[in-house]
Amino acid sequence: MDEQKENDEVYVEDDINYIVDKDLLHNYSVFNIEYTNNWLRNGFNVTANGASSNCR
């Protein structure tokens, strides 16, 4: 987990806080967060306008 910093924007959806660096908001307009839990892999997958990152 990351703590909110001065250059972060916070969004709240269904009582969940999403912290996004403001610099990322200038480069990406859409973020998708998916959780996968299966025999091949488990964890979060974050995609932003086609770019992706994994967090396990």
N, C-alpha and C. Protein backbone atom coordinates (compact mmCIF):
# COMPACT_ATOMS: atom_id res chain seq x y z
N MET A 1 0.83 -1.18 0.00
CA MET A 1 0.00 0.00 0.00
C MET A 1 0.87 1.24 0.00
N ASP A 2 0.31 2.26 -0.54
CA ASP A 2 1.01 3.53 -0.62
C ASP A 2 0.22 4.57 0.15
N GLU A 3 0.91 5.49 0.76
CA GLU A 3 0.25 6.58 1.47
C GLU A 3 0.10 7.77 0.54
N GLN A 4 -0.91 8.58 0.78
CA GLN A 4 -1.14 9.76 -0.04
C GLN A 4 0.02 10.75 0.12
N LYS A 5 0.46 11.28 -1.02
CA LYS A 5 1.53 12.27 -1.03
C LYS A 5 1.00 13.58 -1.59
N GLU A 6 1.81 14.61 -1.52
CA GLU A 6 1.39 15.95 -1.94
C GLU A 6 0.95 16.00 -3.40
N ASN A 7 1.58 15.20 -4.26
CA ASN A 7 1.29 15.23 -5.69
C ASN A 7 0.26 14.17 -6.10
N ASP A 8 -0.57 13.70 -5.17
CA ASP A 8 -1.56 12.67 -5.46
C ASP A 8 -2.96 13.23 -5.52
N GLU A 9 -3.77 12.58 -6.32
CA GLU A 9 -5.21 12.85 -6.39
C GLU A 9 -5.91 11.63 -5.79
N VAL A 10 -6.94 11.85 -4.99
CA VAL A 10 -7.66 10.75 -4.35
C VAL A 10 -9.07 10.67 -4.91
N TYR A 11 -9.46 9.46 -5.32
CA TYR A 11 -10.82 9.20 -5.79
C TYR A 11 -11.43 8.16 -4.86
N VAL A 12 -12.68 8.34 -4.52
CA VAL A 12 -13.38 7.41 -3.64
C VAL A 12 -14.53 6.80 -4.42
N GLU A 13 -14.57 5.46 -4.44
CA GLU A 13 -15.63 4.72 -5.12
C GLU A 13 -16.03 3.57 -4.22
N ASP A 14 -17.30 3.52 -3.83
CA ASP A 14 -17.80 2.45 -2.95
C ASP A 14 -16.95 2.30 -1.69
N ASP A 15 -16.62 3.42 -1.05
CA ASP A 15 -15.84 3.46 0.19
C ASP A 15 -14.40 2.95 0.04
N ILE A 16 -13.90 2.90 -1.19
CA ILE A 16 -12.51 2.52 -1.44
C ILE A 16 -11.77 3.74 -1.98
N ASN A 17 -10.63 4.06 -1.36
CA ASN A 17 -9.82 5.20 -1.81
C ASN A 17 -8.81 4.74 -2.85
N TYR A 18 -8.79 5.42 -3.98
CA TYR A 18 -7.82 5.17 -5.04
C TYR A 18 -6.90 6.38 -5.10
N ILE A 19 -5.62 6.15 -4.93
CA ILE A 19 -4.63 7.24 -4.92
C ILE A 19 -3.86 7.18 -6.23
N VAL A 20 -3.89 8.29 -6.98
CA VAL A 20 -3.24 8.35 -8.29
C VAL A 20 -2.33 9.57 -8.33
N ASP A 21 -1.11 9.35 -8.77
CA ASP A 21 -0.16 10.46 -8.94
C ASP A 21 -0.69 11.41 -10.01
N LYS A 22 -0.70 12.70 -9.73
CA LYS A 22 -1.24 13.68 -10.67
C LYS A 22 -0.51 13.68 -12.00
N ASP A 23 0.78 13.34 -11.99
CA ASP A 23 1.53 13.27 -13.25
C ASP A 23 0.98 12.16 -14.16
N LEU A 24 0.53 11.05 -13.57
CA LEU A 24 -0.06 9.98 -14.37
C LEU A 24 -1.37 10.42 -15.00
N LEU A 25 -2.11 11.27 -14.30
CA LEU A 25 -3.39 11.73 -14.83
C LEU A 25 -3.22 12.58 -16.09
N HIS A 26 -2.07 13.20 -16.25
CA HIS A 26 -1.80 13.98 -17.46
C HIS A 26 -1.52 13.06 -18.66
N ASN A 27 -1.00 11.85 -18.39
CA ASN A 27 -0.66 10.92 -19.46
C ASN A 27 -1.74 9.90 -19.76
N TYR A 28 -2.55 9.57 -18.78
CA TYR A 28 -3.56 8.53 -18.92
C TYR A 28 -4.90 9.04 -18.41
N SER A 29 -5.96 8.73 -19.15
CA SER A 29 -7.28 9.21 -18.73
C SER A 29 -8.16 8.10 -18.18
N VAL A 30 -7.86 6.85 -18.50
CA VAL A 30 -8.70 5.73 -18.08
C VAL A 30 -7.83 4.69 -17.38
N PHE A 31 -8.27 4.26 -16.20
CA PHE A 31 -7.59 3.20 -15.46
C PHE A 31 -8.58 2.07 -15.20
N ASN A 32 -8.15 0.83 -15.41
CA ASN A 32 -8.95 -0.34 -15.09
C ASN A 32 -8.17 -1.18 -14.07
N ILE A 33 -8.87 -1.62 -13.03
CA ILE A 33 -8.26 -2.46 -12.00
C ILE A 33 -9.04 -3.76 -11.95
N GLU A 34 -8.33 -4.86 -12.16
CA GLU A 34 -8.96 -6.17 -12.13
C GLU A 34 -8.20 -7.08 -11.17
N TYR A 35 -8.93 -7.93 -10.48
CA TYR A 35 -8.31 -8.91 -9.60
C TYR A 35 -8.50 -10.30 -10.20
N THR A 36 -7.42 -11.06 -10.28
CA THR A 36 -7.45 -12.41 -10.81
C THR A 36 -7.00 -13.37 -9.71
N ASN A 37 -7.74 -14.46 -9.56
CA ASN A 37 -7.37 -15.49 -8.58
C ASN A 37 -7.65 -16.85 -9.20
N ASN A 38 -6.62 -17.42 -9.84
CA ASN A 38 -6.77 -18.73 -10.44
C ASN A 38 -5.45 -19.49 -10.33
N TRP A 39 -5.40 -20.68 -10.86
CA TRP A 39 -4.21 -21.53 -10.71
C TRP A 39 -2.98 -20.94 -11.39
N LEU A 40 -3.18 -20.11 -12.41
CA LEU A 40 -2.06 -19.56 -13.15
C LEU A 40 -1.47 -18.33 -12.47
N ARG A 41 -2.33 -17.49 -11.92
CA ARG A 41 -1.84 -16.28 -11.25
C ARG A 41 -2.93 -15.69 -10.37
N ASN A 42 -2.51 -14.90 -9.39
CA ASN A 42 -3.47 -14.17 -8.59
C ASN A 42 -2.87 -12.81 -8.25
N GLY A 43 -3.72 -11.82 -8.14
CA GLY A 43 -3.29 -10.47 -7.82
C GLY A 43 -4.03 -9.45 -8.66
N PHE A 44 -3.61 -8.21 -8.52
CA PHE A 44 -4.25 -7.10 -9.22
C PHE A 44 -3.52 -6.81 -10.52
N ASN A 45 -4.28 -6.46 -11.53
CA ASN A 45 -3.74 -6.01 -12.80
C ASN A 45 -4.31 -4.62 -13.06
N VAL A 46 -3.43 -3.65 -13.23
CA VAL A 46 -3.85 -2.27 -13.48
C VAL A 46 -3.47 -1.91 -14.90
N THR A 47 -4.45 -1.48 -15.68
CA THR A 47 -4.18 -1.03 -17.03
C THR A 47 -4.60 0.43 -17.16
N ALA A 48 -3.82 1.18 -17.92
CA ALA A 48 -4.10 2.59 -18.14
C ALA A 48 -3.90 2.89 -19.62
N ASN A 49 -4.99 3.13 -20.35
CA ASN A 49 -4.93 3.44 -21.77
C ASN A 49 -4.03 2.48 -22.54
N GLY A 50 -4.10 1.21 -22.20
CA GLY A 50 -3.34 0.20 -22.94
C GLY A 50 -2.05 -0.24 -22.26
N ALA A 51 -1.48 0.57 -21.39
CA ALA A 51 -0.28 0.17 -20.64
C ALA A 51 -0.73 -0.67 -19.46
N SER A 52 0.13 -1.57 -18.97
CA SER A 52 -0.31 -2.42 -17.85
C SER A 52 0.81 -2.62 -16.84
N SER A 53 0.39 -2.96 -15.62
CA SER A 53 1.30 -3.26 -14.53
C SER A 53 0.64 -4.29 -13.64
N ASN A 54 1.43 -5.16 -13.02
CA ASN A 54 0.90 -6.19 -12.14
C ASN A 54 1.36 -5.97 -10.71
N CYS A 55 0.49 -6.31 -9.77
CA CYS A 55 0.82 -6.22 -8.35
C CYS A 55 0.36 -7.51 -7.70
N ARG A 56 1.30 -8.27 -7.17
CA ARG A 56 0.94 -9.57 -6.56
C ARG A 56 1.22 -9.54 -5.10
